[in-house]
Amino acid sequence: MSGQITISIWLFLFLIIVLVIALLDRILIPSTRWFFRRRINAVIEEIGTRLNIEMRPF
């Protein structure tokens, strides 16, 4: 039962590309979105305080 499995290089590259897209979709993009949402909400809060108006956060 110990054999070697071979796949073509294009299939291997395709699997790597799918893996990278999945990692970006599940890890990097939500954390980036959270980071910018936090900063934008802080700016909106500061503008609202300085101008004495109420703005809804993102």
PDB file of N, CA and C in Angstrom:
ATOM      1  N   MET A   1       0.801  -1.208   0.000  1.00  0.00           N
ATOM      2  CA  MET A   1       0.000   0.000   0.000  1.00  0.00           C
ATOM      3  C   MET A   1       0.834   1.258   0.000  1.00  0.00           C
ATOM      4  N   SER A   2       2.130   1.159  -0.025  1.00  0.00           N
ATOM      5  CA  SER A   2       2.944   2.362  -0.071  1.00  0.00           C
ATOM      6  C   SER A   2       3.356   2.615  -1.511  1.00  0.00           C
ATOM      7  N   GLY A   3       2.632   3.524  -2.120  1.00  0.00           N
ATOM      8  CA  GLY A   3       2.912   3.871  -3.504  1.00  0.00           C
ATOM      9  C   GLY A   3       3.073   5.368  -3.640  1.00  0.00           C
ATOM     10  N   GLN A   4       3.437   5.774  -4.793  1.00  0.00           N
ATOM     11  CA  GLN A   4       3.642   7.181  -5.057  1.00  0.00           C
ATOM     12  C   GLN A   4       2.473   7.694  -5.880  1.00  0.00           C
ATOM     13  N   ILE A   5       1.991   8.881  -5.505  1.00  0.00           N
ATOM     14  CA  ILE A   5       0.905   9.521  -6.242  1.00  0.00           C
ATOM     15  C   ILE A   5       1.504  10.692  -6.996  1.00  0.00           C
ATOM     16  N   THR A   6       1.252  10.746  -8.275  1.00  0.00           N
ATOM     17  CA  THR A   6       1.771  11.856  -9.075  1.00  0.00           C
ATOM     18  C   THR A   6       0.609  12.637  -9.665  1.00  0.00           C
ATOM     19  N   ILE A   7       0.770  13.940  -9.662  1.00  0.00           N
ATOM     20  CA  ILE A   7      -0.203  14.819 -10.315  1.00  0.00           C
ATOM     21  C   ILE A   7       0.566  15.749 -11.239  1.00  0.00           C
ATOM     22  N   SER A   8      -0.130  16.255 -12.197  1.00  0.00           N
ATOM     23  CA  SER A   8       0.542  17.145 -13.139  1.00  0.00           C
ATOM     24  C   SER A   8       0.806  18.496 -12.480  1.00  0.00           C
ATOM     25  N   ILE A   9       1.742  19.226 -13.030  1.00  0.00           N
ATOM     26  CA  ILE A   9       2.147  20.511 -12.456  1.00  0.00           C
ATOM     27  C   ILE A   9       1.030  21.543 -12.542  1.00  0.00           C
ATOM     28  N   TRP A  10       0.228  21.507 -13.602  1.00  0.00           N
ATOM     29  CA  TRP A  10      -0.856  22.478 -13.716  1.00  0.00           C
ATOM     30  C   TRP A  10      -1.928  22.219 -12.667  1.00  0.00           C
ATOM     31  N   LEU A  11      -2.175  20.956 -12.325  1.00  0.00           N
ATOM     32  CA  LEU A  11      -3.146  20.646 -11.285  1.00  0.00           C
ATOM     33  C   LEU A  11      -2.618  21.089  -9.914  1.00  0.00           C
ATOM     34  N   PHE A  12      -1.345  20.888  -9.671  1.00  0.00           N
ATOM     35  CA  PHE A  12      -0.724  21.326  -8.427  1.00  0.00           C
ATOM     36  C   PHE A  12      -0.795  22.849  -8.294  1.00  0.00           C
ATOM     37  N   LEU A  13      -0.486  23.581  -9.353  1.00  0.00           N
ATOM     38  CA  LEU A  13      -0.547  25.046  -9.312  1.00  0.00           C
ATOM     39  C   LEU A  13      -1.979  25.531  -9.106  1.00  0.00           C
ATOM     40  N   PHE A  14      -2.926  24.853  -9.740  1.00  0.00           N
ATOM     41  CA  PHE A  14      -4.335  25.201  -9.564  1.00  0.00           C
ATOM     42  C   PHE A  14      -4.755  25.016  -8.104  1.00  0.00           C
ATOM     43  N   LEU A  15      -4.335  23.925  -7.487  1.00  0.00           N
ATOM     44  CA  LEU A  15      -4.667  23.687  -6.085  1.00  0.00           C
ATOM     45  C   LEU A  15      -4.023  24.726  -5.170  1.00  0.00           C
ATOM     46  N   ILE A  16      -2.818  25.136  -5.470  1.00  0.00           N
ATOM     47  CA  ILE A  16      -2.145  26.175  -4.685  1.00  0.00           C
ATOM     48  C   ILE A  16      -2.884  27.511  -4.821  1.00  0.00           C
ATOM     49  N   ILE A  17      -3.299  27.843  -6.022  1.00  0.00           N
ATOM     50  CA  ILE A  17      -4.040  29.099  -6.246  1.00  0.00           C
ATOM     51  C   ILE A  17      -5.363  29.083  -5.492  1.00  0.00           C
ATOM     52  N   VAL A  18      -6.067  27.966  -5.526  1.00  0.00           N
ATOM     53  CA  VAL A  18      -7.328  27.855  -4.786  1.00  0.00           C
ATOM     54  C   VAL A  18      -7.081  27.982  -3.284  1.00  0.00           C
ATOM     55  N   LEU A  19      -6.004  27.396  -2.801  1.00  0.00           N
ATOM     56  CA  LEU A  19      -5.655  27.499  -1.393  1.00  0.00           C
ATOM     57  C   LEU A  19      -5.381  28.949  -0.991  1.00  0.00           C
ATOM     58  N   VAL A  20      -4.642  29.664  -1.807  1.00  0.00           N
ATOM     59  CA  VAL A  20      -4.323  31.063  -1.505  1.00  0.00           C
ATOM     60  C   VAL A  20      -5.591  31.914  -1.508  1.00  0.00           C
ATOM     61  N   ILE A  21      -6.466  31.699  -2.465  1.00  0.00           N
ATOM     62  CA  ILE A  21      -7.726  32.450  -2.511  1.00  0.00           C
ATOM     63  C   ILE A  21      -8.577  32.150  -1.293  1.00  0.00           C
ATOM     64  N   ALA A  22      -8.629  30.887  -0.889  1.00  0.00           N
ATOM     65  CA  ALA A  22      -9.409  30.518   0.295  1.00  0.00           C
ATOM     66  C   ALA A  22      -8.835  31.154   1.550  1.00  0.00           C
ATOM     67  N   LEU A  23      -7.520  31.182   1.679  1.00  0.00           N
ATOM     68  CA  LEU A  23      -6.905  31.825   2.842  1.00  0.00           C
ATOM     69  C   LEU A  23      -7.179  33.323   2.871  1.00  0.00           C
ATOM     70  N   LEU A  24      -7.095  33.966   1.719  1.00  0.00           N
ATOM     71  CA  LEU A  24      -7.402  35.397   1.658  1.00  0.00           C
ATOM     72  C   LEU A  24      -8.851  35.661   2.030  1.00  0.00           C
ATOM     73  N   ASP A  25      -9.736  34.823   1.538  1.00  0.00           N
ATOM     74  CA  ASP A  25     -11.157  35.017   1.773  1.00  0.00           C
ATOM     75  C   ASP A  25     -11.527  34.807   3.233  1.00  0.00           C
ATOM     76  N   ARG A  26     -10.906  33.854   3.883  1.00  0.00           N
ATOM     77  CA  ARG A  26     -11.291  33.499   5.251  1.00  0.00           C
ATOM     78  C   ARG A  26     -10.504  34.209   6.337  1.00  0.00           C
ATOM     79  N   ILE A  27      -9.297  34.656   6.056  1.00  0.00           N
ATOM     80  CA  ILE A  27      -8.450  35.219   7.111  1.00  0.00           C
ATOM     81  C   ILE A  27      -8.112  36.679   6.864  1.00  0.00           C
ATOM     82  N   LEU A  28      -7.500  36.972   5.739  1.00  0.00           N
ATOM     83  CA  LEU A  28      -6.941  38.302   5.517  1.00  0.00           C
ATOM     84  C   LEU A  28      -8.011  39.364   5.262  1.00  0.00           C
ATOM     85  N   ILE A  29      -8.969  39.074   4.434  1.00  0.00           N
ATOM     86  CA  ILE A  29      -9.968  40.084   4.076  1.00  0.00           C
ATOM     87  C   ILE A  29     -10.843  40.485   5.264  1.00  0.00           C
ATOM     88  N   PRO A  30     -11.369  39.549   6.085  1.00  0.00           N
ATOM     89  CA  PRO A  30     -12.153  39.995   7.252  1.00  0.00           C
ATOM     90  C   PRO A  30     -11.344  40.799   8.263  1.00  0.00           C
ATOM     91  N   SER A  31     -10.097  40.434   8.485  1.00  0.00           N
ATOM     92  CA  SER A  31      -9.304  41.197   9.451  1.00  0.00           C
ATOM     93  C   SER A  31      -8.979  42.588   8.916  1.00  0.00           C
ATOM     94  N   THR A  32      -8.735  42.696   7.626  1.00  0.00           N
ATOM     95  CA  THR A  32      -8.488  44.010   7.026  1.00  0.00           C
ATOM     96  C   THR A  32      -9.740  44.872   7.094  1.00  0.00           C
ATOM     97  N   ARG A  33     -10.879  44.260   6.814  1.00  0.00           N
ATOM     98  CA  ARG A  33     -12.143  44.984   6.883  1.00  0.00           C
ATOM     99  C   ARG A  33     -12.400  45.480   8.316  1.00  0.00           C
ATOM    100  N   TRP A  34     -12.124  44.641   9.304  1.00  0.00           N
ATOM    101  CA  TRP A  34     -12.290  45.035  10.705  1.00  0.00           C
ATOM    102  C   TRP A  34     -11.367  46.194  11.054  1.00  0.00           C
ATOM    103  N   PHE A  35     -10.116  46.126  10.602  1.00  0.00           N
ATOM    104  CA  PHE A  35      -9.144  47.178  10.902  1.00  0.00           C
ATOM    105  C   PHE A  35      -9.608  48.516  10.346  1.00  0.00           C
ATOM    106  N   PHE A  36     -10.011  48.551   9.076  1.00  0.00           N
ATOM    107  CA  PHE A  36     -10.431  49.818   8.472  1.00  0.00           C
ATOM    108  C   PHE A  36     -11.758  50.303   9.042  1.00  0.00           C
ATOM    109  N   ARG A  37     -12.674  49.399   9.364  1.00  0.00           N
ATOM    110  CA  ARG A  37     -13.946  49.806   9.950  1.00  0.00           C
ATOM    111  C   ARG A  37     -13.717  50.475  11.302  1.00  0.00           C
ATOM    112  N   ARG A  38     -12.777  49.938  12.082  1.00  0.00           N
ATOM    113  CA  ARG A  38     -12.462  50.521  13.384  1.00  0.00           C
ATOM    114  C   ARG A  38     -11.889  51.921  13.216  1.00  0.00           C
ATOM    115  N   ARG A  39     -10.991  52.106  12.268  1.00  0.00           N
ATOM    116  CA  ARG A  39     -10.381  53.430  12.059  1.00  0.00           C
ATOM    117  C   ARG A  39     -11.396  54.420  11.508  1.00  0.00           C
ATOM    118  N   ILE A  40     -12.244  53.988  10.580  1.00  0.00           N
ATOM    119  CA  ILE A  40     -13.252  54.884  10.009  1.00  0.00           C
ATOM    120  C   ILE A  40     -14.248  55.309  11.075  1.00  0.00           C
ATOM    121  N   ASN A  41     -14.655  54.368  11.927  1.00  0.00           N
ATOM    122  CA  ASN A  41     -15.581  54.729  13.001  1.00  0.00           C
ATOM    123  C   ASN A  41     -14.949  55.715  13.984  1.00  0.00           C
ATOM    124  N   ALA A  42     -13.648  55.586  14.227  1.00  0.00           N
ATOM    125  CA  ALA A  42     -12.969  56.549  15.100  1.00  0.00           C
ATOM    126  C   ALA A  42     -12.958  57.935  14.466  1.00  0.00           C
ATOM    127  N   VAL A  43     -12.732  58.002  13.157  1.00  0.00           N
ATOM    128  CA  VAL A  43     -12.743  59.291  12.450  1.00  0.00           C
ATOM    129  C   VAL A  43     -14.139  59.895  12.473  1.00  0.00           C
ATOM    130  N   ILE A  44     -15.157  59.086  12.256  1.00  0.00           N
ATOM    131  CA  ILE A  44     -16.539  59.587  12.286  1.00  0.00           C
ATOM    132  C   ILE A  44     -16.877  60.101  13.683  1.00  0.00           C
ATOM    133  N   GLU A  45     -16.438  59.389  14.699  1.00  0.00           N
ATOM    134  CA  GLU A  45     -16.670  59.835  16.072  1.00  0.00           C
ATOM    135  C   GLU A  45     -15.973  61.174  16.341  1.00  0.00           C
ATOM    136  N   GLU A  46     -14.752  61.313  15.865  1.00  0.00           N
ATOM    137  CA  GLU A  46     -14.002  62.567  16.066  1.00  0.00           C
ATOM    138  C   GLU A  46     -14.665  63.728  15.316  1.00  0.00           C
ATOM    139  N   ILE A  47     -15.082  63.496  14.095  1.00  0.00           N
ATOM    140  CA  ILE A  47     -15.764  64.550  13.330  1.00  0.00           C
ATOM    141  C   ILE A  47     -17.064  64.943  14.012  1.00  0.00           C
ATOM    142  N   GLY A  48     -17.802  63.940  14.481  1.00  0.00           N
ATOM    143  CA  GLY A  48     -19.054  64.231  15.181  1.00  0.00           C
ATOM    144  C   GLY A  48     -18.835  65.038  16.445  1.00  0.00           C
ATOM    145  N   THR A  49     -17.756  64.762  17.149  1.00  0.00           N
ATOM    146  CA  THR A  49     -17.449  65.506  18.372  1.00  0.00           C
ATOM    147  C   THR A  49     -17.046  66.942  18.051  1.00  0.00           C
ATOM    148  N   ARG A  50     -16.206  67.117  17.046  1.00  0.00           N
ATOM    149  CA  ARG A  50     -15.733  68.471  16.716  1.00  0.00           C
ATOM    150  C   ARG A  50     -16.837  69.344  16.126  1.00  0.00           C
ATOM    151  N   LEU A  51     -17.673  68.762  15.288  1.00  0.00           N
ATOM    152  CA  LEU A  51     -18.713  69.560  14.625  1.00  0.00           C
ATOM    153  C   LEU A  51     -20.033  69.547  15.387  1.00  0.00           C
ATOM    154  N   ASN A  52     -20.075  68.798  16.477  1.00  0.00           N
ATOM    155  CA  ASN A  52     -21.286  68.703  17.293  1.00  0.00           C
ATOM    156  C   ASN A  52     -22.478  68.214  16.482  1.00  0.00           C
ATOM    157  N   ILE A  53     -22.253  67.173  15.679  1.00  0.00           N
ATOM    158  CA  ILE A  53     -23.331  66.533  14.928  1.00  0.00           C
ATOM    159  C   ILE A  53     -23.273  65.031  15.198  1.00  0.00           C
ATOM    160  N   GLU A  54     -24.375  64.366  14.920  1.00  0.00           N
ATOM    161  CA  GLU A  54     -24.421  62.930  15.134  1.00  0.00           C
ATOM    162  C   GLU A  54     -24.411  62.221  13.785  1.00  0.00           C
ATOM    163  N   MET A  55     -23.431  61.334  13.608  1.00  0.00           N
ATOM    164  CA  MET A  55     -23.327  60.554  12.384  1.00  0.00           C
ATOM    165  C   MET A  55     -23.355  59.070  12.756  1.00  0.00           C
ATOM    166  N   ARG A  56     -24.035  58.289  11.958  1.00  0.00           N
ATOM    167  CA  ARG A  56     -24.083  56.850  12.227  1.00  0.00           C
ATOM    168  C   ARG A  56     -22.778  56.206  11.792  1.00  0.00           C
ATOM    169  N   PRO A  57     -22.218  55.321  12.616  1.00  0.00           N
ATOM    170  CA  PRO A  57     -20.987  54.618  12.229  1.00  0.00           C
ATOM    171  C   PRO A  57     -21.266  53.551  11.191  1.00  0.00           C
ATOM    172  N   PHE A  58     -20.208  53.076  10.544  1.00  0.00           N
ATOM    173  CA  PHE A  58     -20.345  52.000   9.566  1.00  0.00           C
ATOM    174  C   PHE A  58     -20.706  50.730  10.273  1.00  0.00           C
TER     175      PHE A  58
END
